[in-house]
Amino acid sequence: MKIQIKNQWNGSVIFETDAENLGAAILLALKSKADLRGADLRGADLRGADLLGADLLGANLCSADLLGADLSGADLLGADLSSANLRSADLSGADLSGANLRSADLRSANLSSANLCSADLRGANLRGADLCSANLSGANLSSACMLAVCSCCKRFIGFRPVERGDKADGQLTHGICPACEEKLTQKHT
């Protein structure tokens, strides 16, 4: 079937191909080096897709299924990933600054070294997500299920919902894990 990928802002056709579905058309577009910046990719099925280093700046991936997809190093600056399924996706080193990730499922996603500066993560599920060295400066995490990190050893120690209106300002929720607490107690006795 003939599938057109259009620019979400002006409706112009970015890429056209014969493919089984939108997800397959997107993969063909990326292989042919089509410019998908600002593309309307809403609801695309990209489960397990290799999108390594893809330039999807400003793309609309609202409600897309990216379960287990490789988006490492991808440019998703300003992209709309609201309500997207990014469970177990690899977003390591991806640029998600200013991205809309409201209500996104990021459970067990790899976000290590990702740039989430000023990203909207309201209501996102981050349970089990790897956020080591991720930049969360200015990210909005209201109502997100967020990780708690030990202030001493930097290990993840649990989850807590972020209070309404909280901002990350580059920091995760902090506490002290039982092992570090024991070491500190021994040090001061």
N, C-alpha and C. Protein backbone atom coordinates (compact mmCIF):
# COMPACT_ATOMS: atom_id res chain seq x y z
N MET A 1 0.83 -1.16 0.00
CA MET A 1 0.00 0.00 0.00
C MET A 1 0.89 1.24 0.00
N LYS A 2 0.44 2.29 -0.65
CA LYS A 2 1.17 3.55 -0.74
C LYS A 2 1.04 4.31 0.58
N ILE A 3 2.18 4.65 1.16
CA ILE A 3 2.18 5.39 2.43
C ILE A 3 2.98 6.67 2.25
N GLN A 4 2.39 7.76 2.72
CA GLN A 4 3.06 9.05 2.69
C GLN A 4 3.39 9.48 4.11
N ILE A 5 4.62 9.94 4.30
CA ILE A 5 5.01 10.55 5.56
C ILE A 5 5.01 12.04 5.31
N LYS A 6 4.23 12.74 6.11
CA LYS A 6 4.06 14.18 5.89
C LYS A 6 4.68 15.00 7.02
N ASN A 7 4.98 16.24 6.69
CA ASN A 7 5.44 17.19 7.68
C ASN A 7 4.23 17.57 8.53
N GLN A 8 4.40 17.51 9.85
CA GLN A 8 3.26 17.78 10.74
C GLN A 8 2.83 19.24 10.73
N TRP A 9 3.68 20.14 10.27
CA TRP A 9 3.38 21.56 10.32
C TRP A 9 2.69 22.08 9.07
N ASN A 10 3.15 21.64 7.89
CA ASN A 10 2.57 22.19 6.67
C ASN A 10 1.92 21.13 5.77
N GLY A 11 1.98 19.86 6.18
CA GLY A 11 1.32 18.80 5.43
C GLY A 11 2.03 18.36 4.17
N SER A 12 3.19 18.94 3.88
CA SER A 12 3.92 18.53 2.67
C SER A 12 4.44 17.10 2.82
N VAL A 13 4.50 16.39 1.70
CA VAL A 13 4.97 15.00 1.71
C VAL A 13 6.50 14.99 1.82
N ILE A 14 7.00 14.31 2.85
CA ILE A 14 8.43 14.19 3.09
C ILE A 14 8.98 12.96 2.39
N PHE A 15 8.19 11.88 2.45
CA PHE A 15 8.63 10.60 1.89
C PHE A 15 7.39 9.80 1.50
N GLU A 16 7.49 9.10 0.38
CA GLU A 16 6.38 8.27 -0.09
C GLU A 16 6.94 6.94 -0.55
N THR A 17 6.26 5.86 -0.16
CA THR A 17 6.73 4.53 -0.52
C THR A 17 5.59 3.52 -0.45
N ASP A 18 5.83 2.35 -1.03
CA ASP A 18 4.92 1.22 -0.85
C ASP A 18 5.43 0.43 0.34
N ALA A 19 4.60 0.29 1.36
CA ALA A 19 4.98 -0.44 2.56
C ALA A 19 3.74 -1.02 3.21
N GLU A 20 3.96 -1.99 4.08
CA GLU A 20 2.87 -2.67 4.77
C GLU A 20 2.17 -1.76 5.78
N ASN A 21 2.97 -0.89 6.43
CA ASN A 21 2.42 0.00 7.46
C ASN A 21 3.34 1.21 7.64
N LEU A 22 2.92 2.15 8.48
CA LEU A 22 3.70 3.36 8.72
C LEU A 22 5.07 3.05 9.29
N GLY A 23 5.15 2.10 10.23
CA GLY A 23 6.43 1.73 10.82
C GLY A 23 7.43 1.26 9.77
N ALA A 24 6.99 0.42 8.86
CA ALA A 24 7.86 -0.07 7.79
C ALA A 24 8.27 1.08 6.87
N ALA A 25 7.35 2.01 6.60
CA ALA A 25 7.67 3.16 5.75
C ALA A 25 8.73 4.05 6.42
N ILE A 26 8.63 4.22 7.74
CA ILE A 26 9.61 5.03 8.48
C ILE A 26 10.99 4.42 8.37
N LEU A 27 11.08 3.11 8.54
CA LEU A 27 12.37 2.43 8.45
C LEU A 27 12.96 2.56 7.04
N LEU A 28 12.12 2.47 6.02
CA LEU A 28 12.59 2.66 4.64
C LEU A 28 13.06 4.10 4.43
N ALA A 29 12.32 5.05 4.99
CA ALA A 29 12.69 6.46 4.87
C ALA A 29 14.06 6.72 5.51
N LEU A 30 14.28 6.15 6.68
CA LEU A 30 15.56 6.33 7.35
C LEU A 30 16.71 5.68 6.58
N LYS A 31 16.45 4.51 6.01
CA LYS A 31 17.48 3.83 5.21
C LYS A 31 17.86 4.65 3.98
N SER A 32 16.87 5.35 3.43
CA SER A 32 17.14 6.15 2.23
C SER A 32 17.59 7.57 2.59
N LYS A 33 17.86 7.80 3.87
CA LYS A 33 18.37 9.09 4.37
C LYS A 33 17.37 10.24 4.19
N ALA A 34 16.08 9.93 4.20
CA ALA A 34 15.05 10.98 4.11
C ALA A 34 15.11 11.84 5.37
N ASP A 35 14.80 13.10 5.23
CA ASP A 35 14.79 14.05 6.34
C ASP A 35 13.44 13.95 7.05
N LEU A 36 13.44 13.33 8.23
CA LEU A 36 12.19 13.14 8.97
C LEU A 36 12.01 14.15 10.10
N ARG A 37 12.78 15.22 10.06
CA ARG A 37 12.60 16.27 11.06
C ARG A 37 11.21 16.88 10.88
N GLY A 38 10.46 16.95 11.99
CA GLY A 38 9.12 17.52 11.94
C GLY A 38 8.07 16.61 11.33
N ALA A 39 8.42 15.34 11.13
CA ALA A 39 7.48 14.39 10.49
C ALA A 39 6.34 14.01 11.42
N ASP A 40 5.19 13.75 10.83
CA ASP A 40 4.02 13.27 11.56
C ASP A 40 4.08 11.74 11.59
N LEU A 41 4.50 11.19 12.72
CA LEU A 41 4.69 9.74 12.86
C LEU A 41 3.80 9.20 13.99
N ARG A 42 2.71 9.91 14.24
CA ARG A 42 1.80 9.53 15.33
C ARG A 42 1.34 8.09 15.22
N GLY A 43 1.42 7.37 16.36
CA GLY A 43 0.89 6.02 16.44
C GLY A 43 1.68 4.96 15.69
N ALA A 44 2.86 5.29 15.21
CA ALA A 44 3.65 4.33 14.43
C ALA A 44 4.05 3.12 15.29
N ASP A 45 4.04 1.95 14.67
CA ASP A 45 4.50 0.72 15.34
C ASP A 45 5.96 0.53 14.98
N LEU A 46 6.83 0.87 15.92
CA LEU A 46 8.27 0.77 15.72
C LEU A 46 8.90 -0.11 16.79
N ARG A 47 8.15 -1.12 17.23
CA ARG A 47 8.66 -2.03 18.26
C ARG A 47 9.94 -2.69 17.78
N GLY A 48 11.00 -2.57 18.60
CA GLY A 48 12.27 -3.22 18.31
C GLY A 48 13.03 -2.62 17.14
N ALA A 49 12.61 -1.48 16.65
CA ALA A 49 13.23 -0.87 15.46
C ALA A 49 14.63 -0.34 15.76
N ASP A 50 15.50 -0.41 14.75
CA ASP A 50 16.85 0.16 14.85
C ASP A 50 16.78 1.59 14.34
N LEU A 51 16.74 2.54 15.28
CA LEU A 51 16.66 3.96 14.95
C LEU A 51 17.90 4.67 15.49
N LEU A 52 18.98 3.93 15.59
CA LEU A 52 20.25 4.43 16.11
C LEU A 52 20.66 5.71 15.39
N GLY A 53 20.84 6.79 16.15
CA GLY A 53 21.30 8.05 15.58
C GLY A 53 20.30 8.76 14.67
N ALA A 54 19.05 8.33 14.66
CA ALA A 54 18.06 8.92 13.76
C ALA A 54 17.83 10.40 14.07
N ASP A 55 17.64 11.21 13.03
CA ASP A 55 17.34 12.63 13.19
C ASP A 55 15.83 12.81 13.12
N LEU A 56 15.20 12.85 14.30
CA LEU A 56 13.76 13.00 14.39
C LEU A 56 13.40 14.27 15.14
N LEU A 57 14.24 15.28 14.96
CA LEU A 57 14.06 16.58 15.60
C LEU A 57 12.64 17.10 15.33
N GLY A 58 11.91 17.40 16.40
CA GLY A 58 10.58 17.97 16.26
C GLY A 58 9.53 17.03 15.69
N ALA A 59 9.83 15.75 15.56
CA ALA A 59 8.87 14.81 14.99
C ALA A 59 7.73 14.55 15.97
N ASN A 60 6.57 14.20 15.44
CA ASN A 60 5.41 13.86 16.25
C ASN A 60 5.32 12.34 16.33
N LEU A 61 5.72 11.80 17.49
CA LEU A 61 5.66 10.37 17.74
C LEU A 61 4.67 10.07 18.87
N CYS A 62 3.67 10.93 18.99
CA CYS A 62 2.64 10.78 20.00
C CYS A 62 1.99 9.40 19.87
N SER A 63 1.91 8.67 20.98
CA SER A 63 1.29 7.34 21.05
C SER A 63 1.98 6.29 20.19
N ALA A 64 3.21 6.55 19.76
CA ALA A 64 3.96 5.56 18.98
C ALA A 64 4.37 4.41 19.89
N ASP A 65 4.50 3.22 19.30
CA ASP A 65 4.96 2.05 20.04
C ASP A 65 6.42 1.82 19.70
N LEU A 66 7.30 2.18 20.64
CA LEU A 66 8.74 2.07 20.46
C LEU A 66 9.32 1.08 21.47
N LEU A 67 8.53 0.10 21.86
CA LEU A 67 8.95 -0.92 22.82
C LEU A 67 10.24 -1.57 22.34
N GLY A 68 11.30 -1.47 23.15
CA GLY A 68 12.57 -2.12 22.84
C GLY A 68 13.32 -1.54 21.66
N ALA A 69 12.92 -0.38 21.16
CA ALA A 69 13.58 0.23 20.01
C ALA A 69 14.95 0.79 20.40
N ASP A 70 15.87 0.82 19.44
CA ASP A 70 17.19 1.41 19.67
C ASP A 70 17.19 2.83 19.13
N LEU A 71 17.11 3.79 20.04
CA LEU A 71 17.13 5.21 19.70
C LEU A 71 18.39 5.86 20.26
N SER A 72 19.42 5.05 20.50
CA SER A 72 20.64 5.60 21.10
C SER A 72 21.24 6.64 20.15
N GLY A 73 21.61 7.77 20.75
CA GLY A 73 22.21 8.85 19.97
C GLY A 73 21.24 9.58 19.05
N ALA A 74 19.96 9.28 19.14
CA ALA A 74 18.98 9.92 18.25
C ALA A 74 18.76 11.38 18.63
N ASP A 75 18.43 12.19 17.63
CA ASP A 75 18.09 13.60 17.86
C ASP A 75 16.57 13.70 17.93
N LEU A 76 16.06 13.83 19.15
CA LEU A 76 14.62 13.95 19.38
C LEU A 76 14.30 15.28 20.04
N LEU A 77 15.16 16.26 19.80
CA LEU A 77 14.99 17.59 20.36
C LEU A 77 13.60 18.12 19.98
N GLY A 78 12.82 18.49 20.99
CA GLY A 78 11.49 19.05 20.74
C GLY A 78 10.47 18.08 20.18
N ALA A 79 10.78 16.79 20.16
CA ALA A 79 9.85 15.80 19.62
C ALA A 79 8.67 15.59 20.57
N ASP A 80 7.53 15.20 20.01
CA ASP A 80 6.35 14.88 20.81
C ASP A 80 6.27 13.36 20.96
N LEU A 81 6.60 12.89 22.16
CA LEU A 81 6.54 11.46 22.48
C LEU A 81 5.50 11.23 23.59
N SER A 82 4.52 12.11 23.67
CA SER A 82 3.50 11.97 24.70
C SER A 82 2.74 10.66 24.50
N SER A 83 2.52 9.98 25.61
CA SER A 83 1.80 8.69 25.63
C SER A 83 2.47 7.61 24.78
N ALA A 84 3.74 7.80 24.44
CA ALA A 84 4.46 6.79 23.65
C ALA A 84 4.89 5.63 24.55
N ASN A 85 4.97 4.45 23.97
CA ASN A 85 5.48 3.28 24.68
C ASN A 85 6.97 3.17 24.38
N LEU A 86 7.79 3.58 25.35
CA LEU A 86 9.24 3.52 25.22
C LEU A 86 9.82 2.52 26.21
N ARG A 87 9.00 1.58 26.61
CA ARG A 87 9.43 0.58 27.59
C ARG A 87 10.61 -0.22 27.02
N SER A 88 11.67 -0.32 27.82
CA SER A 88 12.89 -1.06 27.46
C SER A 88 13.59 -0.52 26.22
N ALA A 89 13.28 0.71 25.82
CA ALA A 89 13.94 1.32 24.67
C ALA A 89 15.33 1.81 25.08
N ASP A 90 16.26 1.83 24.12
CA ASP A 90 17.60 2.36 24.37
C ASP A 90 17.64 3.79 23.86
N LEU A 91 17.66 4.73 24.79
CA LEU A 91 17.73 6.16 24.48
C LEU A 91 19.03 6.75 25.00
N SER A 92 20.03 5.89 25.19
CA SER A 92 21.31 6.36 25.73
C SER A 92 21.92 7.39 24.78
N GLY A 93 22.34 8.50 25.36
CA GLY A 93 22.97 9.55 24.57
C GLY A 93 22.04 10.30 23.64
N ALA A 94 20.75 10.03 23.72
CA ALA A 94 19.78 10.72 22.84
C ALA A 94 19.56 12.15 23.32
N ASP A 95 19.27 13.05 22.38
CA ASP A 95 18.94 14.43 22.72
C ASP A 95 17.42 14.55 22.76
N LEU A 96 16.89 14.62 23.98
CA LEU A 96 15.46 14.76 24.20
C LEU A 96 15.14 16.11 24.84
N SER A 97 16.05 17.07 24.65
CA SER A 97 15.83 18.37 25.27
C SER A 97 14.56 19.01 24.69
N GLY A 98 13.74 19.51 25.59
CA GLY A 98 12.49 20.15 25.18
C GLY A 98 11.44 19.18 24.65
N ALA A 99 11.68 17.88 24.75
CA ALA A 99 10.74 16.89 24.22
C ALA A 99 9.52 16.77 25.13
N ASN A 100 8.39 16.43 24.54
CA ASN A 100 7.17 16.18 25.28
C ASN A 100 7.07 14.68 25.53
N LEU A 101 7.29 14.28 26.78
CA LEU A 101 7.21 12.87 27.18
C LEU A 101 6.10 12.67 28.21
N ARG A 102 5.08 13.52 28.14
CA ARG A 102 3.96 13.42 29.09
C ARG A 102 3.31 12.06 28.98
N SER A 103 3.14 11.41 30.14
CA SER A 103 2.48 10.11 30.24
C SER A 103 3.14 9.03 29.41
N ALA A 104 4.41 9.20 29.06
CA ALA A 104 5.14 8.17 28.32
C ALA A 104 5.50 7.02 29.24
N ASP A 105 5.54 5.81 28.69
CA ASP A 105 5.96 4.64 29.44
C ASP A 105 7.44 4.42 29.18
N LEU A 106 8.26 4.78 30.16
CA LEU A 106 9.72 4.66 30.04
C LEU A 106 10.26 3.60 31.00
N ARG A 107 9.41 2.66 31.40
CA ARG A 107 9.86 1.62 32.31
C ARG A 107 11.02 0.83 31.70
N SER A 108 12.07 0.67 32.48
CA SER A 108 13.27 -0.09 32.10
C SER A 108 13.97 0.47 30.86
N ALA A 109 13.71 1.71 30.51
CA ALA A 109 14.38 2.34 29.37
C ALA A 109 15.80 2.74 29.77
N ASN A 110 16.71 2.72 28.81
CA ASN A 110 18.08 3.18 29.04
C ASN A 110 18.17 4.63 28.61
N LEU A 111 18.23 5.52 29.60
CA LEU A 111 18.34 6.96 29.35
C LEU A 111 19.69 7.48 29.83
N SER A 112 20.67 6.59 29.95
CA SER A 112 21.98 7.02 30.43
C SER A 112 22.58 8.02 29.46
N SER A 113 23.11 9.09 30.03
CA SER A 113 23.74 10.18 29.27
C SER A 113 22.80 10.86 28.28
N ALA A 114 21.50 10.67 28.44
CA ALA A 114 20.53 11.36 27.58
C ALA A 114 20.37 12.80 28.03
N ASN A 115 20.08 13.69 27.09
CA ASN A 115 19.83 15.08 27.41
C ASN A 115 18.33 15.29 27.50
N LEU A 116 17.83 15.43 28.73
CA LEU A 116 16.41 15.65 28.98
C LEU A 116 16.15 17.06 29.52
N CYS A 117 17.08 17.96 29.21
CA CYS A 117 16.99 19.34 29.66
C CYS A 117 15.66 19.95 29.19
N SER A 118 14.90 20.48 30.13
CA SER A 118 13.61 21.12 29.86
C SER A 118 12.57 20.19 29.23
N ALA A 119 12.75 18.89 29.35
CA ALA A 119 11.76 17.94 28.82
C ALA A 119 10.53 17.92 29.73
N ASP A 120 9.39 17.63 29.15
CA ASP A 120 8.15 17.52 29.90
C ASP A 120 7.89 16.05 30.18
N LEU A 121 8.12 15.64 31.42
CA LEU A 121 7.96 14.24 31.83
C LEU A 121 6.79 14.07 32.80
N ARG A 122 5.85 15.00 32.75
CA ARG A 122 4.70 14.93 33.66
C ARG A 122 3.94 13.63 33.45
N GLY A 123 3.75 12.90 34.54
CA GLY A 123 2.98 11.66 34.48
C GLY A 123 3.71 10.49 33.83
N ALA A 124 4.99 10.66 33.49
CA ALA A 124 5.75 9.57 32.85
C ALA A 124 6.08 8.48 33.87
N ASN A 125 6.16 7.25 33.40
CA ASN A 125 6.53 6.14 34.25
C ASN A 125 8.00 5.82 34.00
N LEU A 126 8.85 6.10 34.99
CA LEU A 126 10.29 5.91 34.88
C LEU A 126 10.78 4.75 35.75
N ARG A 127 9.90 3.87 36.16
CA ARG A 127 10.30 2.73 37.00
C ARG A 127 11.35 1.88 36.29
N GLY A 128 12.47 1.69 36.95
CA GLY A 128 13.52 0.84 36.42
C GLY A 128 14.33 1.47 35.30
N ALA A 129 14.06 2.72 34.97
CA ALA A 129 14.81 3.40 33.91
C ALA A 129 16.22 3.73 34.40
N ASP A 130 17.19 3.62 33.51
CA ASP A 130 18.58 3.96 33.81
C ASP A 130 18.79 5.43 33.45
N LEU A 131 18.96 6.27 34.46
CA LEU A 131 19.13 7.70 34.25
C LEU A 131 20.54 8.16 34.63
N CYS A 132 21.49 7.22 34.67
CA CYS A 132 22.87 7.57 35.03
C CYS A 132 23.41 8.63 34.06
N SER A 133 23.91 9.71 34.60
CA SER A 133 24.51 10.81 33.85
C SER A 133 23.53 11.50 32.90
N ALA A 134 22.24 11.28 33.08
CA ALA A 134 21.25 11.98 32.26
C ALA A 134 21.13 13.42 32.75
N ASN A 135 20.94 14.35 31.81
CA ASN A 135 20.76 15.76 32.15
C ASN A 135 19.26 16.02 32.29
N LEU A 136 18.82 16.23 33.54
CA LEU A 136 17.42 16.50 33.82
C LEU A 136 17.20 17.96 34.22
N SER A 137 18.14 18.81 33.90
CA SER A 137 18.06 20.22 34.28
C SER A 137 16.80 20.86 33.70
N GLY A 138 15.97 21.38 34.60
CA GLY A 138 14.76 22.07 34.16
C GLY A 138 13.65 21.16 33.67
N ALA A 139 13.84 19.84 33.76
CA ALA A 139 12.79 18.91 33.32
C ALA A 139 11.60 18.99 34.27
N ASN A 140 10.40 18.88 33.73
CA ASN A 140 9.19 18.90 34.55
C ASN A 140 8.80 17.45 34.83
N LEU A 141 8.89 17.07 36.10
CA LEU A 141 8.62 15.70 36.52
C LEU A 141 7.37 15.58 37.39
N SER A 142 6.48 16.56 37.30
CA SER A 142 5.26 16.51 38.10
C SER A 142 4.50 15.21 37.84
N SER A 143 4.13 14.55 38.91
CA SER A 143 3.34 13.31 38.86
C SER A 143 4.05 12.16 38.16
N ALA A 144 5.35 12.31 37.89
CA ALA A 144 6.10 11.21 37.29
C ALA A 144 6.47 10.22 38.39
N CYS A 145 6.57 8.97 38.04
CA CYS A 145 7.06 7.98 38.97
C CYS A 145 8.57 7.98 38.82
N MET A 146 9.25 8.52 39.83
CA MET A 146 10.68 8.84 39.72
C MET A 146 11.51 7.96 40.62
N LEU A 147 12.78 7.87 40.29
CA LEU A 147 13.74 7.08 41.06
C LEU A 147 14.35 7.89 42.19
N ALA A 148 14.65 7.22 43.27
CA ALA A 148 15.41 7.82 44.36
C ALA A 148 16.85 7.30 44.25
N VAL A 149 17.82 8.17 44.50
CA VAL A 149 19.23 7.83 44.37
C VAL A 149 19.94 8.09 45.69
N CYS A 150 20.85 7.18 46.06
CA CYS A 150 21.65 7.36 47.27
C CYS A 150 22.62 8.52 47.04
N SER A 151 22.63 9.47 47.97
CA SER A 151 23.51 10.64 47.86
C SER A 151 24.99 10.26 47.96
N CYS A 152 25.28 9.13 48.59
CA CYS A 152 26.68 8.73 48.77
C CYS A 152 27.22 7.90 47.60
N CYS A 153 26.56 6.78 47.31
CA CYS A 153 27.10 5.85 46.30
C CYS A 153 26.44 6.00 44.93
N LYS A 154 25.39 6.80 44.85
CA LYS A 154 24.67 7.09 43.60
C LYS A 154 23.88 5.89 43.06
N ARG A 155 23.68 4.86 43.87
CA ARG A 155 22.86 3.72 43.45
C ARG A 155 21.39 4.09 43.60
N PHE A 156 20.56 3.50 42.72
CA PHE A 156 19.13 3.72 42.83
C PHE A 156 18.61 2.97 44.05
N ILE A 157 17.77 3.62 44.83
CA ILE A 157 17.30 2.99 46.07
C ILE A 157 15.79 2.86 46.15
N GLY A 158 15.07 3.25 45.15
CA GLY A 158 13.63 3.09 45.19
C GLY A 158 12.92 4.08 44.30
N PHE A 159 11.61 4.12 44.46
CA PHE A 159 10.77 4.96 43.63
C PHE A 159 9.90 5.84 44.51
N ARG A 160 9.54 6.98 43.98
CA ARG A 160 8.54 7.82 44.65
C ARG A 160 7.89 8.68 43.59
N PRO A 161 6.62 8.96 43.75
CA PRO A 161 6.00 9.91 42.83
C PRO A 161 6.53 11.30 43.14
N VAL A 162 6.82 12.05 42.11
CA VAL A 162 7.29 13.42 42.29
C VAL A 162 6.08 14.28 42.63
N GLU A 163 6.25 15.14 43.63
CA GLU A 163 5.14 15.99 44.05
C GLU A 163 4.78 16.98 42.96
N ARG A 164 3.54 17.33 42.90
CA ARG A 164 3.03 18.28 41.92
C ARG A 164 3.85 19.57 41.93
N GLY A 165 4.28 19.98 40.74
CA GLY A 165 5.04 21.23 40.62
C GLY A 165 6.53 21.09 40.81
N ASP A 166 7.01 19.89 41.19
CA ASP A 166 8.46 19.70 41.35
C ASP A 166 9.16 19.83 40.01
N LYS A 167 10.36 20.34 40.05
CA LYS A 167 11.23 20.39 38.88
C LYS A 167 12.47 19.61 39.22
N ALA A 168 13.11 19.00 38.25
CA ALA A 168 14.27 18.17 38.54
C ALA A 168 15.51 19.00 38.80
N ASP A 169 15.71 20.09 38.06
CA ASP A 169 16.91 20.90 38.18
C ASP A 169 18.17 20.05 38.20
N GLY A 170 18.22 19.03 37.36
CA GLY A 170 19.41 18.21 37.20
C GLY A 170 19.61 17.18 38.28
N GLN A 171 18.71 17.09 39.24
CA GLN A 171 18.89 16.15 40.34
C GLN A 171 17.73 15.18 40.41
N LEU A 172 18.04 13.97 40.84
CA LEU A 172 17.01 12.99 41.14
C LEU A 172 16.66 13.15 42.61
N THR A 173 15.62 12.47 43.04
CA THR A 173 15.29 12.45 44.45
C THR A 173 16.43 11.74 45.17
N HIS A 174 16.84 12.27 46.31
CA HIS A 174 17.97 11.69 47.01
C HIS A 174 17.60 11.17 48.39
N GLY A 175 18.41 10.25 48.87
CA GLY A 175 18.29 9.67 50.20
C GLY A 175 19.60 8.97 50.48
N ILE A 176 19.58 8.08 51.45
CA ILE A 176 20.76 7.29 51.79
C ILE A 176 20.34 5.83 51.78
N CYS A 177 21.09 5.00 51.05
CA CYS A 177 20.78 3.58 51.02
C CYS A 177 21.20 2.95 52.35
N PRO A 178 20.65 1.79 52.71
CA PRO A 178 20.98 1.15 53.98
C PRO A 178 22.48 0.89 54.17
N ALA A 179 23.18 0.47 53.12
CA ALA A 179 24.61 0.19 53.23
C ALA A 179 25.41 1.45 53.57
N CYS A 180 25.12 2.56 52.90
CA CYS A 180 25.82 3.82 53.17
C CYS A 180 25.43 4.38 54.54
N GLU A 181 24.17 4.20 54.90
CA GLU A 181 23.73 4.67 56.21
C GLU A 181 24.50 3.94 57.31
N GLU A 182 24.69 2.64 57.12
CA GLU A 182 25.45 1.86 58.10
C GLU A 182 26.90 2.34 58.18
N LYS A 183 27.52 2.59 57.02
CA LYS A 183 28.91 3.08 56.98
C LYS A 183 29.03 4.43 57.68
N LEU A 184 28.08 5.33 57.42
CA LEU A 184 28.10 6.65 58.04
C LEU A 184 27.89 6.55 59.55
N THR A 185 27.01 5.66 59.97
CA THR A 185 26.77 5.48 61.40
C THR A 185 28.02 4.95 62.09
N GLN A 186 28.69 3.97 61.47
CA GLN A 186 29.92 3.40 62.03
C GLN A 186 31.03 4.45 62.11
N LYS A 187 31.08 5.32 61.11
CA LYS A 187 32.11 6.35 61.04
C LYS A 187 31.98 7.35 62.19
N HIS A 188 30.72 7.62 62.59
CA HIS A 188 30.46 8.62 63.62
C HIS A 188 30.27 8.03 65.02
N THR A 189 30.57 6.75 65.21
CA THR A 189 30.45 6.16 66.56
C THR A 189 31.79 5.80 67.13
